[in-house]
Protein backbone atom coordinates (compact mmCIF):
# COMPACT_ATOMS: atom_id res chain seq x y z
CA MET A 1 -35.59 -24.11 -11.19
CA PRO A 2 -38.56 -21.74 -10.60
CA VAL A 3 -38.74 -18.60 -12.73
CA VAL A 4 -38.66 -16.35 -9.63
CA LYS A 5 -35.35 -17.85 -8.48
CA LEU A 6 -33.85 -17.42 -11.93
CA LEU A 7 -34.91 -13.78 -11.94
CA ILE A 8 -33.39 -13.17 -8.50
CA MET A 9 -30.09 -14.74 -9.54
CA SER A 10 -30.00 -12.64 -12.69
CA ILE A 11 -30.55 -9.35 -10.86
CA THR A 12 -28.10 -10.30 -8.12
CA GLU A 13 -25.37 -10.88 -10.66
CA ASP A 14 -26.27 -7.84 -12.76
CA PHE A 15 -26.30 -4.46 -11.04
CA SER A 16 -24.86 -1.05 -11.84
CA THR A 17 -23.28 1.41 -9.44
CA ILE A 18 -23.13 5.19 -9.20
CA VAL A 19 -20.38 6.43 -6.88
CA LEU A 20 -20.54 10.06 -5.74
CA ALA A 21 -17.03 11.51 -5.55
CA ALA A 22 -17.22 15.10 -6.76
CA GLY A 23 -16.84 16.91 -3.44
CA LYS A 24 -13.77 18.88 -2.43
CA GLY A 25 -13.69 17.67 1.14
CA THR A 26 -13.14 21.09 2.73
CA ARG A 27 -12.72 19.68 6.24
CA MET A 28 -9.75 17.59 5.10
CA LYS A 29 -7.75 20.85 4.84
CA SER A 30 -5.73 19.29 2.03
CA PRO A 31 -5.13 20.10 -1.66
CA LEU A 32 -5.62 16.40 -2.46
CA PRO A 33 -9.18 15.44 -3.50
CA LYS A 34 -10.89 13.83 -0.53
CA VAL A 35 -11.53 10.46 -2.17
CA LEU A 36 -7.83 10.09 -3.04
CA HIS A 37 -6.63 10.29 0.55
CA PRO A 38 -5.07 6.93 1.44
CA VAL A 39 -6.66 4.50 3.86
CA ALA A 40 -4.09 1.87 4.83
CA GLY A 41 -2.15 2.45 1.64
CA TRP A 42 -4.99 2.66 -0.90
CA PRO A 43 -6.95 5.75 -2.02
CA MET A 44 -10.34 5.43 -0.36
CA ILE A 45 -12.18 5.55 -3.71
CA SER A 46 -10.14 2.60 -4.97
CA ARG A 47 -11.24 0.59 -1.93
CA SER A 48 -14.88 1.14 -2.85
CA ILE A 49 -14.28 0.23 -6.50
CA HIS A 50 -12.33 -2.88 -5.56
CA ALA A 51 -15.18 -4.06 -3.32
CA LEU A 52 -17.72 -3.36 -6.08
CA ASN A 53 -15.71 -5.28 -8.67
CA GLU A 54 -15.36 -8.22 -6.30
CA ALA A 55 -19.09 -8.12 -5.60
CA GLY A 56 -19.84 -8.45 -9.32
CA THR A 57 -21.08 -5.06 -10.48
CA ASN A 58 -21.12 -4.73 -14.24
CA ASN A 59 -20.96 -0.95 -14.51
CA ILE A 60 -19.30 1.57 -12.18
CA ARG A 61 -19.96 5.24 -12.84
CA VAL A 62 -18.03 7.69 -10.68
CA VAL A 63 -19.26 11.27 -10.50
CA VAL A 64 -16.16 13.49 -10.35
CA GLY A 65 -15.67 17.20 -9.80
CA HIS A 66 -12.90 18.59 -7.64
CA GLY A 67 -9.54 17.19 -8.80
CA GLU A 68 -11.21 15.50 -11.76
CA LEU A 69 -8.00 14.61 -13.61
CA LEU A 70 -6.33 13.13 -10.54
CA VAL A 71 -9.40 11.06 -9.67
CA ARG A 72 -9.66 9.78 -13.25
CA GLN A 73 -6.07 8.50 -13.06
CA VAL A 74 -7.04 6.31 -10.11
CA ILE A 75 -10.49 5.04 -11.07
CA GLU A 76 -10.23 4.42 -14.81
CA PRO A 77 -7.49 1.73 -14.57
CA LEU A 78 -9.84 -0.06 -12.15
CA GLY A 79 -12.58 -0.25 -14.77
CA ALA A 80 -14.75 2.66 -13.61
CA SER A 81 -16.04 5.46 -15.84
CA ALA A 82 -15.92 9.12 -14.84
CA PHE A 83 -18.86 11.54 -15.22
CA LEU A 84 -18.17 15.19 -14.57
CA GLN A 85 -20.32 17.31 -12.26
CA VAL A 86 -19.22 20.79 -13.30
CA GLU A 87 -21.13 22.62 -10.57
CA GLN A 88 -21.80 20.91 -7.24
CA LEU A 89 -25.55 21.36 -6.72
CA GLY A 90 -26.18 18.48 -4.35
CA THR A 91 -26.29 14.69 -4.33
CA GLY A 92 -29.45 14.51 -6.43
CA HIS A 93 -27.82 16.63 -9.13
CA ALA A 94 -24.69 14.45 -8.92
CA VAL A 95 -26.70 11.31 -9.69
CA GLN A 96 -28.26 13.07 -12.69
CA CYS A 97 -24.73 13.79 -13.98
CA ALA A 98 -24.06 10.03 -14.13
CA GLU A 99 -26.61 9.73 -16.98
CA PRO A 100 -28.81 7.14 -15.23
CA HIS A 101 -31.25 7.15 -18.15
CA SER A 102 -28.88 4.73 -19.92
CA LEU A 103 -28.98 2.23 -17.03
CA GLN A 104 -31.22 -0.76 -16.57
CA GLY A 105 -32.09 -3.09 -13.71
CA THR A 106 -30.83 -2.56 -10.16
CA VAL A 107 -28.74 0.53 -9.39
CA LEU A 108 -26.62 0.89 -6.27
CA ILE A 109 -25.88 4.50 -5.31
CA MET A 110 -23.12 5.11 -2.78
CA ASN A 111 -20.54 7.67 -1.67
CA GLY A 112 -16.87 7.42 -2.55
CA ASP A 113 -15.72 8.32 0.96
CA HIS A 114 -16.88 5.13 2.72
CA PRO A 115 -13.70 3.04 2.54
CA LEU A 116 -14.58 0.31 5.03
CA ILE A 117 -17.24 -1.44 2.95
CA GLU A 118 -16.35 -4.92 1.69
CA ALA A 119 -17.59 -7.08 -1.17
CA GLU A 120 -19.54 -9.33 1.18
CA ASP A 121 -21.47 -6.34 2.50
CA ILE A 122 -22.46 -5.36 -1.03
CA LYS A 123 -23.46 -8.90 -2.00
CA PHE A 124 -25.65 -9.15 1.09
CA LEU A 125 -27.40 -5.84 0.37
CA ILE A 126 -28.06 -6.73 -3.27
CA LYS A 127 -29.48 -10.08 -2.28
CA GLU A 128 -31.73 -8.57 0.40
CA PHE A 129 -32.97 -5.89 -1.99
CA VAL A 130 -33.86 -8.42 -4.67
CA ASN A 131 -35.67 -10.59 -2.14
CA SER A 132 -37.65 -7.59 -0.85
CA GLN A 133 -39.14 -7.03 -4.34
CA LYS A 134 -39.27 -3.28 -3.64
CA LYS A 135 -38.38 -0.56 -6.12
CA LEU A 136 -36.33 1.47 -3.63
CA ALA A 137 -34.46 0.72 -0.42
CA VAL A 138 -32.27 2.83 1.83
CA VAL A 139 -29.28 1.27 3.56
CA THR A 140 -29.33 2.30 7.22
CA ALA A 141 -27.23 1.71 10.32
CA LYS A 142 -27.64 2.30 14.03
CA VAL A 143 -24.76 4.21 15.60
CA LYS A 144 -24.01 5.66 19.03
CA LYS A 145 -23.06 9.10 17.72
CA PRO A 146 -25.13 10.01 14.63
CA GLY A 147 -23.34 13.33 14.18
CA ASN A 148 -23.95 14.91 10.76
CA PHE A 149 -25.62 11.87 9.23
CA GLY A 150 -29.17 12.16 7.89
CA ARG A 151 -31.74 10.69 10.28
CA ILE A 152 -34.19 7.92 9.37
CA VAL A 153 -37.69 9.11 10.23
CA ARG A 154 -40.29 6.35 10.54
CA HIS A 155 -44.06 6.25 10.95
CA HIS A 156 -45.48 3.01 12.32
CA ASN A 157 -42.04 1.49 11.71
CA GLN A 158 -42.21 2.33 8.00
CA LEU A 159 -39.70 4.73 6.46
CA LYS A 160 -41.31 8.11 6.03
CA ALA A 161 -38.37 10.39 5.18
CA ILE A 162 -34.65 11.08 5.57
CA VAL A 163 -33.90 14.40 7.24
CA GLU A 164 -30.46 15.97 6.85
CA ALA A 165 -28.85 16.89 10.18
CA LYS A 166 -28.57 20.56 9.26
CA ASP A 167 -32.32 20.68 8.53
CA ALA A 168 -33.41 18.46 11.45
CA SER A 169 -35.35 19.51 14.53
CA HIS A 170 -34.08 18.93 18.05
CA ASP A 171 -36.19 15.77 18.44
CA THR A 172 -35.16 14.41 15.04
CA LEU A 173 -31.49 14.78 15.93
CA LYS A 174 -32.03 12.30 18.80
CA ILE A 175 -32.69 9.46 16.31
CA ASN A 176 -29.71 7.09 16.14
CA GLU A 177 -30.70 5.25 12.94
CA ILE A 178 -28.89 7.02 10.15
CA ASN A 179 -28.71 7.05 6.39
CA THR A 180 -25.47 5.48 5.19
CA GLY A 181 -25.68 7.31 1.87
CA MET A 182 -26.33 4.05 0.04
CA TYR A 183 -29.49 3.38 -1.96
CA LEU A 184 -30.74 0.49 -4.03
CA ILE A 185 -33.28 1.40 -6.67
CA GLU A 186 -34.63 0.13 -9.94
CA ALA A 187 -33.27 2.26 -12.80
CA GLU A 188 -36.72 3.00 -14.26
CA PHE A 189 -38.00 4.24 -10.92
CA LEU A 190 -34.87 6.33 -10.35
CA ASN A 191 -35.36 8.11 -13.66
CA GLN A 192 -38.98 8.75 -12.75
CA LEU A 193 -38.08 10.43 -9.43
CA LEU A 194 -34.96 12.46 -10.29
CA PRO A 195 -36.75 15.14 -12.39
CA GLN A 196 -39.08 15.81 -9.45
CA LEU A 197 -36.32 16.89 -7.05
CA LYS A 198 -36.49 20.48 -5.73
CA ASN A 199 -33.89 22.61 -3.99
CA ASN A 200 -36.21 24.01 -1.32
CA ASN A 201 -33.72 23.77 1.56
CA SER A 202 -31.18 25.89 3.41
CA GLN A 203 -28.36 24.89 1.07
CA LYS A 204 -30.36 25.37 -2.14
CA GLU A 205 -29.22 21.92 -3.24
CA PHE A 206 -30.98 18.96 -4.84
CA TYR A 207 -30.92 16.29 -2.14
CA LEU A 208 -30.99 12.68 -3.27
CA THR A 209 -32.66 11.85 0.04
CA ASP A 210 -35.82 13.60 -1.20
CA ILE A 211 -36.53 10.63 -3.48
CA ILE A 212 -37.76 8.85 -0.35
CA SER A 213 -40.57 11.32 0.19
CA LEU A 214 -41.33 11.35 -3.52
CA ALA A 215 -41.57 7.56 -3.59
CA VAL A 216 -43.91 7.53 -0.58
CA GLU A 217 -46.09 10.18 -2.24
CA ALA A 218 -46.20 7.99 -5.33
CA GLY A 219 -47.63 5.18 -3.22
CA GLU A 220 -44.51 3.04 -3.17
CA GLN A 221 -43.33 1.39 0.01
CA VAL A 222 -39.67 2.22 0.61
CA GLY A 223 -37.62 -0.50 2.19
CA THR A 224 -34.69 -0.23 4.57
CA LEU A 225 -31.70 -2.52 4.75
CA LEU A 226 -29.87 -2.47 8.08
CA THR A 227 -26.12 -2.87 7.83
CA SER A 228 -23.13 -2.73 10.17
CA ALA A 229 -22.00 0.62 11.55
CA TYR A 230 -18.58 0.39 9.83
CA VAL A 231 -20.29 0.44 6.41
CA ALA A 232 -21.72 3.85 7.30
CA PHE A 233 -18.38 5.26 8.40
CA GLY A 234 -17.50 8.19 6.15
CA VAL A 235 -14.25 10.13 5.99
CA ASN A 236 -14.59 13.91 6.18
CA SER A 237 -11.55 14.92 8.23
CA GLN A 238 -7.97 13.85 8.87
CA LEU A 239 -9.06 12.41 12.21
CA GLU A 240 -11.68 10.23 10.53
CA LEU A 241 -9.10 9.23 7.91
CA ALA A 242 -6.78 8.01 10.66
CA THR A 243 -9.68 6.17 12.33
CA ALA A 244 -10.54 4.39 9.07
CA THR A 245 -6.90 3.47 8.50
CA LYS A 246 -6.58 2.06 12.00
CA TYR A 247 -9.72 -0.01 11.49
CA VAL A 248 -8.44 -1.52 8.23
CA TYR A 249 -5.09 -2.42 9.79
CA ARG A 250 -6.80 -4.10 12.75
CA ARG A 251 -9.11 -6.01 10.41
CA LYS A 252 -6.15 -7.33 8.40
CA VAL A 253 -4.18 -8.29 11.50
CA LYS A 254 -7.19 -10.18 12.86
CA LYS A 255 -7.50 -12.22 9.65
CA LEU A 256 -3.79 -13.10 9.75
CA MET A 257 -3.94 -14.21 13.37
CA GLU A 258 -6.95 -16.38 12.57
CA SER A 259 -4.81 -18.10 9.92
CA GLY A 260 -1.98 -18.90 12.35
CA VAL A 261 0.33 -15.86 12.16
CA VAL A 262 1.80 -14.84 15.53
CA ILE A 263 1.39 -11.08 15.94
CA LEU A 264 2.65 -9.98 19.33
CA ASP A 265 1.05 -6.53 19.43
CA PRO A 266 -1.86 -6.15 16.98
CA LYS A 267 -2.40 -2.49 17.85
CA ASN A 268 1.12 -1.58 16.78
CA THR A 269 1.49 -3.68 13.65
CA TYR A 270 0.62 -2.22 10.24
CA ILE A 271 -0.05 -4.65 7.39
CA GLU A 272 -1.78 -3.73 4.12
CA ASP A 273 -4.65 -5.73 2.63
CA ASP A 274 -2.96 -7.86 -0.03
CA VAL A 275 0.02 -8.93 2.09
CA ILE A 276 0.35 -12.72 2.48
CA ILE A 277 2.01 -14.20 5.58
CA GLY A 278 2.47 -17.90 6.29
CA SER A 279 1.42 -19.62 9.49
CA GLY A 280 3.92 -19.83 12.34
CA THR A 281 5.62 -16.59 11.36
CA ILE A 282 6.20 -14.20 14.26
CA ILE A 283 5.64 -10.48 13.69
CA TYR A 284 7.03 -8.17 16.37
CA PRO A 285 5.56 -4.70 17.08
CA GLY A 286 6.24 -1.65 14.95
CA ASN A 287 6.44 -3.40 11.59
CA PHE A 288 5.04 -1.68 8.50
CA ILE A 289 4.40 -4.27 5.77
CA ARG A 290 3.13 -2.76 2.56
CA SER A 291 1.33 -3.93 -0.56
CA GLY A 292 2.81 -6.69 -2.71
CA THR A 293 4.71 -8.37 0.14
CA LYS A 294 4.63 -12.12 0.70
CA ILE A 295 6.23 -13.74 3.76
CA GLY A 296 6.57 -17.49 4.13
CA GLU A 297 6.06 -19.78 7.10
CA MET A 298 8.10 -19.90 10.33
CA CYS A 299 9.83 -16.57 9.78
CA ILE A 300 10.81 -14.09 12.47
CA ILE A 301 10.28 -10.40 11.74
CA GLU A 302 11.79 -8.37 14.56
CA PRO A 303 10.55 -4.86 15.49
CA HIS A 304 10.40 -1.75 13.29
CA CYS A 305 10.98 -3.14 9.80
CA PHE A 306 9.56 -1.65 6.59
CA MET A 307 8.75 -3.85 3.59
CA TYR A 308 7.31 -3.06 0.17
CA LYS A 309 6.79 -5.60 -2.62
CA THR A 310 9.13 -7.98 -0.84
CA GLN A 311 9.13 -11.75 -1.28
CA ILE A 312 10.41 -13.69 1.73
CA ALA A 313 10.67 -17.49 1.73
CA ASN A 314 10.26 -19.83 4.71
CA SER A 315 12.35 -19.72 7.90
CA VAL A 316 13.93 -16.33 7.29
CA HIS A 317 15.11 -14.23 10.21
CA ILE A 318 14.70 -10.47 9.71
CA LYS A 319 16.29 -8.54 12.55
CA SER A 320 15.10 -5.16 13.72
CA HIS A 321 15.08 -1.86 11.80
CA CYS A 322 15.45 -3.20 8.25
CA TYR A 323 14.14 -1.50 5.10
CA PHE A 324 13.24 -3.57 2.02
CA GLU A 325 11.76 -2.48 -1.31
CA GLU A 326 11.13 -4.87 -4.22
CA VAL A 327 13.52 -7.62 -3.13
CA LYS A 328 13.51 -11.41 -2.87
CA ILE A 329 14.91 -13.32 0.11
CA SER A 330 15.39 -17.09 0.01
CA SER A 331 14.85 -19.55 2.84
CA LYS A 332 16.93 -19.58 6.03
CA ALA A 333 18.60 -16.27 5.26
CA SER A 334 19.40 -13.83 8.06
CA ILE A 335 19.11 -10.09 7.48
CA GLY A 336 19.95 -7.13 9.69
CA PRO A 337 19.68 -5.40 12.00
CA PHE A 338 19.67 -2.02 10.22
CA ALA A 339 20.02 -3.43 6.70
CA ARG A 340 18.64 -1.75 3.59
CA LEU A 341 17.85 -3.89 0.55
CA ARG A 342 16.78 -1.94 -2.51
CA THR A 343 15.06 -2.69 -5.81
CA GLY A 344 16.24 -5.74 -7.73
CA THR A 345 18.18 -7.41 -4.92
CA LYS A 346 17.98 -11.19 -4.46
CA ILE A 347 19.29 -12.88 -1.32
CA GLY A 348 20.15 -16.59 -1.58
CA LYS A 349 19.44 -19.47 0.74
CA ASP A 350 21.38 -19.44 4.06
CA ALA A 351 22.90 -16.06 3.16
CA LYS A 352 23.74 -13.51 5.83
CA VAL A 353 23.36 -9.77 5.51
CA GLY A 354 24.39 -7.94 8.66
CA ASN A 355 24.02 -4.52 10.22
CA PHE A 356 24.39 -1.35 8.15
CA VAL A 357 24.63 -3.19 4.83
CA GLU A 358 23.00 -1.63 1.78
CA MET A 359 22.37 -3.44 -1.51
CA LYS A 360 20.80 -2.49 -4.81
CA MET A 361 20.46 -4.72 -7.89
CA VAL A 362 22.54 -7.43 -6.25
CA ASP A 363 22.34 -11.18 -6.82
CA PHE A 364 23.65 -12.43 -3.48
CA LYS A 365 24.03 -16.19 -3.88
CA ASN A 366 23.46 -19.04 -1.42
CA GLY A 367 25.57 -18.91 1.72
CA ALA A 368 27.21 -15.58 0.90
CA LYS A 369 27.96 -13.22 3.79
CA ALA A 370 28.23 -9.46 4.20
CA SER A 371 28.20 -9.00 7.92
CA HIS A 372 28.45 -5.23 8.36
CA LEU A 373 29.10 -1.73 7.03
CA THR A 374 29.03 -2.51 3.31
CA TYR A 375 27.57 -1.09 0.09
CA LEU A 376 27.00 -3.44 -2.85
CA GLY A 377 25.35 -2.14 -6.00
CA ASP A 378 24.93 -3.73 -9.45
CA ALA A 379 26.78 -6.85 -8.38
CA VAL A 380 26.73 -10.64 -8.50
CA ILE A 381 28.20 -12.25 -5.38
CA GLY A 382 28.93 -15.98 -5.62
CA GLU A 383 28.07 -18.79 -3.23
CA GLN A 384 29.85 -18.91 0.15
CA THR A 385 31.73 -15.70 -0.60
CA ASN A 386 32.60 -13.53 2.38
CA ILE A 387 32.44 -9.76 1.99
CA GLY A 388 34.47 -7.95 4.64
CA CYS A 389 33.50 -4.87 6.59
CA GLY A 390 33.63 -1.57 4.70
CA THR A 391 33.55 -3.10 1.21
CA ILE A 392 32.18 -0.93 -1.60
CA THR A 393 31.36 -1.66 -5.22
CA CYS A 394 32.11 1.54 -7.12
CA ASN A 395 29.37 1.04 -9.70
CA TYR A 396 28.67 4.65 -10.73
CA ALA A 397 31.31 6.11 -13.05
CA VAL A 398 32.19 9.60 -14.21
CA ASP A 399 30.29 8.97 -17.45
CA LYS A 400 27.12 8.74 -15.32
CA LYS A 401 26.64 5.07 -16.19
CA LYS A 402 26.47 2.11 -13.84
CA TYR A 403 28.70 -0.93 -14.22
CA VAL A 404 28.59 -4.46 -12.81
CA THR A 405 30.91 -6.16 -10.35
CA LYS A 406 31.05 -9.97 -10.59
CA ILE A 407 32.57 -11.89 -7.69
CA GLY A 408 32.81 -15.68 -7.91
CA LYS A 409 32.12 -18.31 -5.28
CA ASP A 410 34.24 -18.98 -2.19
CA VAL A 411 35.95 -15.60 -2.51
CA PHE A 412 37.37 -13.89 0.58
CA VAL A 413 37.14 -10.12 0.45
CA GLY A 414 39.11 -8.33 3.17
CA SER A 415 37.78 -5.30 4.96
CA ASP A 416 37.86 -1.81 3.44
CA THR A 417 37.99 -3.01 -0.17
CA GLN A 418 36.78 -1.03 -3.17
CA PHE A 419 35.86 -2.72 -6.44
CA VAL A 420 35.95 -0.28 -9.37
CA ALA A 421 33.43 -1.68 -11.87
CA PRO A 422 33.25 -3.18 -14.41
CA ILE A 423 35.34 -5.93 -12.87
CA GLU A 424 35.35 -9.71 -12.34
CA ILE A 425 36.82 -11.72 -9.47
CA GLY A 426 37.39 -15.45 -10.06
CA ASP A 427 36.31 -18.30 -7.79
CA GLY A 428 38.36 -18.81 -4.64
CA ALA A 429 40.27 -15.55 -4.97
CA ILE A 430 41.48 -13.60 -1.93
CA ILE A 431 41.34 -9.82 -1.83
CA ALA A 432 43.63 -8.24 0.76
CA SER A 433 42.18 -5.73 3.17
CA GLY A 434 42.42 -2.09 2.19
CA SER A 435 42.67 -2.84 -1.53
CA THR A 436 41.25 -0.80 -4.39
CA ILE A 437 40.72 -3.37 -7.15
CA THR A 438 40.68 -1.96 -10.68
CA LYS A 439 41.67 -5.07 -12.68
CA ASN A 440 40.12 -8.52 -13.02
CA VAL A 441 41.42 -11.09 -10.54
CA PRO A 442 41.87 -14.73 -11.73
CA ALA A 443 40.43 -17.68 -9.83
CA GLY A 444 42.51 -18.71 -6.81
CA ALA A 445 44.69 -15.58 -6.94
CA LEU A 446 45.67 -13.17 -4.18
CA ALA A 447 45.11 -9.51 -5.02
CA VAL A 448 46.85 -6.76 -3.04
CA ALA A 449 46.28 -3.21 -4.23
CA ARG A 450 47.67 -0.86 -1.59
CA SER A 451 50.83 1.07 -0.78
CA ARG A 452 53.51 -0.58 1.30
CA GLN A 453 53.74 0.61 4.88
CA ILE A 454 56.79 2.82 5.49
CA ILE A 455 58.12 3.41 9.00
CA LYS A 456 60.44 6.32 9.88
CA GLU A 457 61.77 5.81 13.41
CA ASN A 458 61.90 8.81 15.78
CA TYR A 459 59.97 10.81 13.17
CA GLN A 460 57.86 12.68 15.71
CA HIS A 461 60.95 14.40 17.21
CA ARG A 462 61.88 16.14 13.97
CA SER A 463 60.64 19.66 13.41
CA HIS A 464 60.09 19.26 9.67
CA THR A 465 60.48 16.90 6.71
CA THR A 466 62.50 17.96 3.69
CA LYS A 467 61.18 17.73 0.13
CA GLU A 468 63.95 15.28 -0.74
CA GLU A 469 62.90 12.90 2.07
CA ILE A 470 59.29 12.92 0.90
CA GLU A 471 60.29 12.11 -2.70
CA GLU A 472 62.59 9.33 -1.51
CA THR A 473 59.78 7.77 0.55
CA GLU A 474 57.36 7.91 -2.39
CA LYS A 475 59.87 6.30 -4.79
CA SER A 476 60.60 3.52 -2.29
CA SER A 477 56.89 2.83 -1.82
CA ASP A 478 56.17 2.80 -5.58
CA SER A 479 59.04 0.46 -6.46
CA LYS A 480 58.15 -2.05 -3.75
CA ALA A 481 54.48 -2.01 -4.79
CA GLU A 482 55.51 -2.78 -8.41
CA ILE A 483 57.64 -5.72 -7.25
CA GLU A 484 54.77 -7.14 -5.17
CA GLY A 485 52.34 -6.62 -8.07
């Protein structure tokens, strides 16, 4: 292989990055640092770092300032290093704070508020820069509304300078080719230019863009790398944050549809980046499917469901208005409508969970049913067991500890039953409706834990009940309950 090709491959695989993320983001009108505002579920700075890591950068330096400690908590677990800019004196000063003198080879400089960039965009730019054999290149884009972006000023089609919008003339503001805020530069050349920056502008700041003019004065030809408009999209307001979020959701939905997922209304379906959905699955409008969720093939997800870190097997039917967080659902199960499954719950194959059922830390075995109006917490429900309407596991005791209810297979639980944990119900047992079960029930047994019905004829015509009659009724009820027990 020729030496030139080897050199190009080496540089392509070995580049460092400086991410500028020290600004407060005044126009966001929020106490949260700008780069930590979420775009489709992820802080925008983490999106940039994720793309850089995937593209193969070997060193990510993030210049932090406002909200330093909060930003560090996000970026450092992702492998980036933080460099503090104590006083915000402009983008040129920010790059100096990243200690570029210790870098070698190609350096990518970018802003932390451009959340739409992807790894493939970065790989393309690195490759193009290496092939250009220039020391410095500016990444540009052509947009319909340049707004506050710096304008690319050319002379005979060669880059002459970048003029900030606030310092631009009326004619310069008409230029629609803008600076994306991304630069590719050789480290040695960067360290040669940075000390020459001046703050002779209306903001009294050291602009990184001035390195273009300095490079031209030094006799170097500055390259430009044209990229897509979405790469240039920066977030500086809540409106732009919402626009970026919408774009990411649409991009994810498009990829899923291309892989065979049926999404009935892409504009009203919200799916985060790492969600996996199998082909043939139908997603109705209004669903919000968050990070860590995996849905199998041939499922039906009816409207307005929320899912977070949920694992759903093949051929599952999720009816409308369900809420899942950190649960697992096996194949051919049916859930909802209006069901809430909480952390640690596992739903077995062919199981049915109906409307207004809530579960937490429940192992709901194959074929089990809880059709409506039920709370099950810290419980194991056996195969083919039927849980009647209004059933509650009383798992939280006066000692502020939680206890487990174990119900075997093929158990019939009548409506309006309370299980006071810890308790065990054997296989094939029958629990009578309206029972409060406080003792273990053997396999195959019938458990009735309720007062006997007492009828007093013509009772409504009497003006009052004597104390003696009340005591007599209570004694009769207690003695009959003991006999039945």
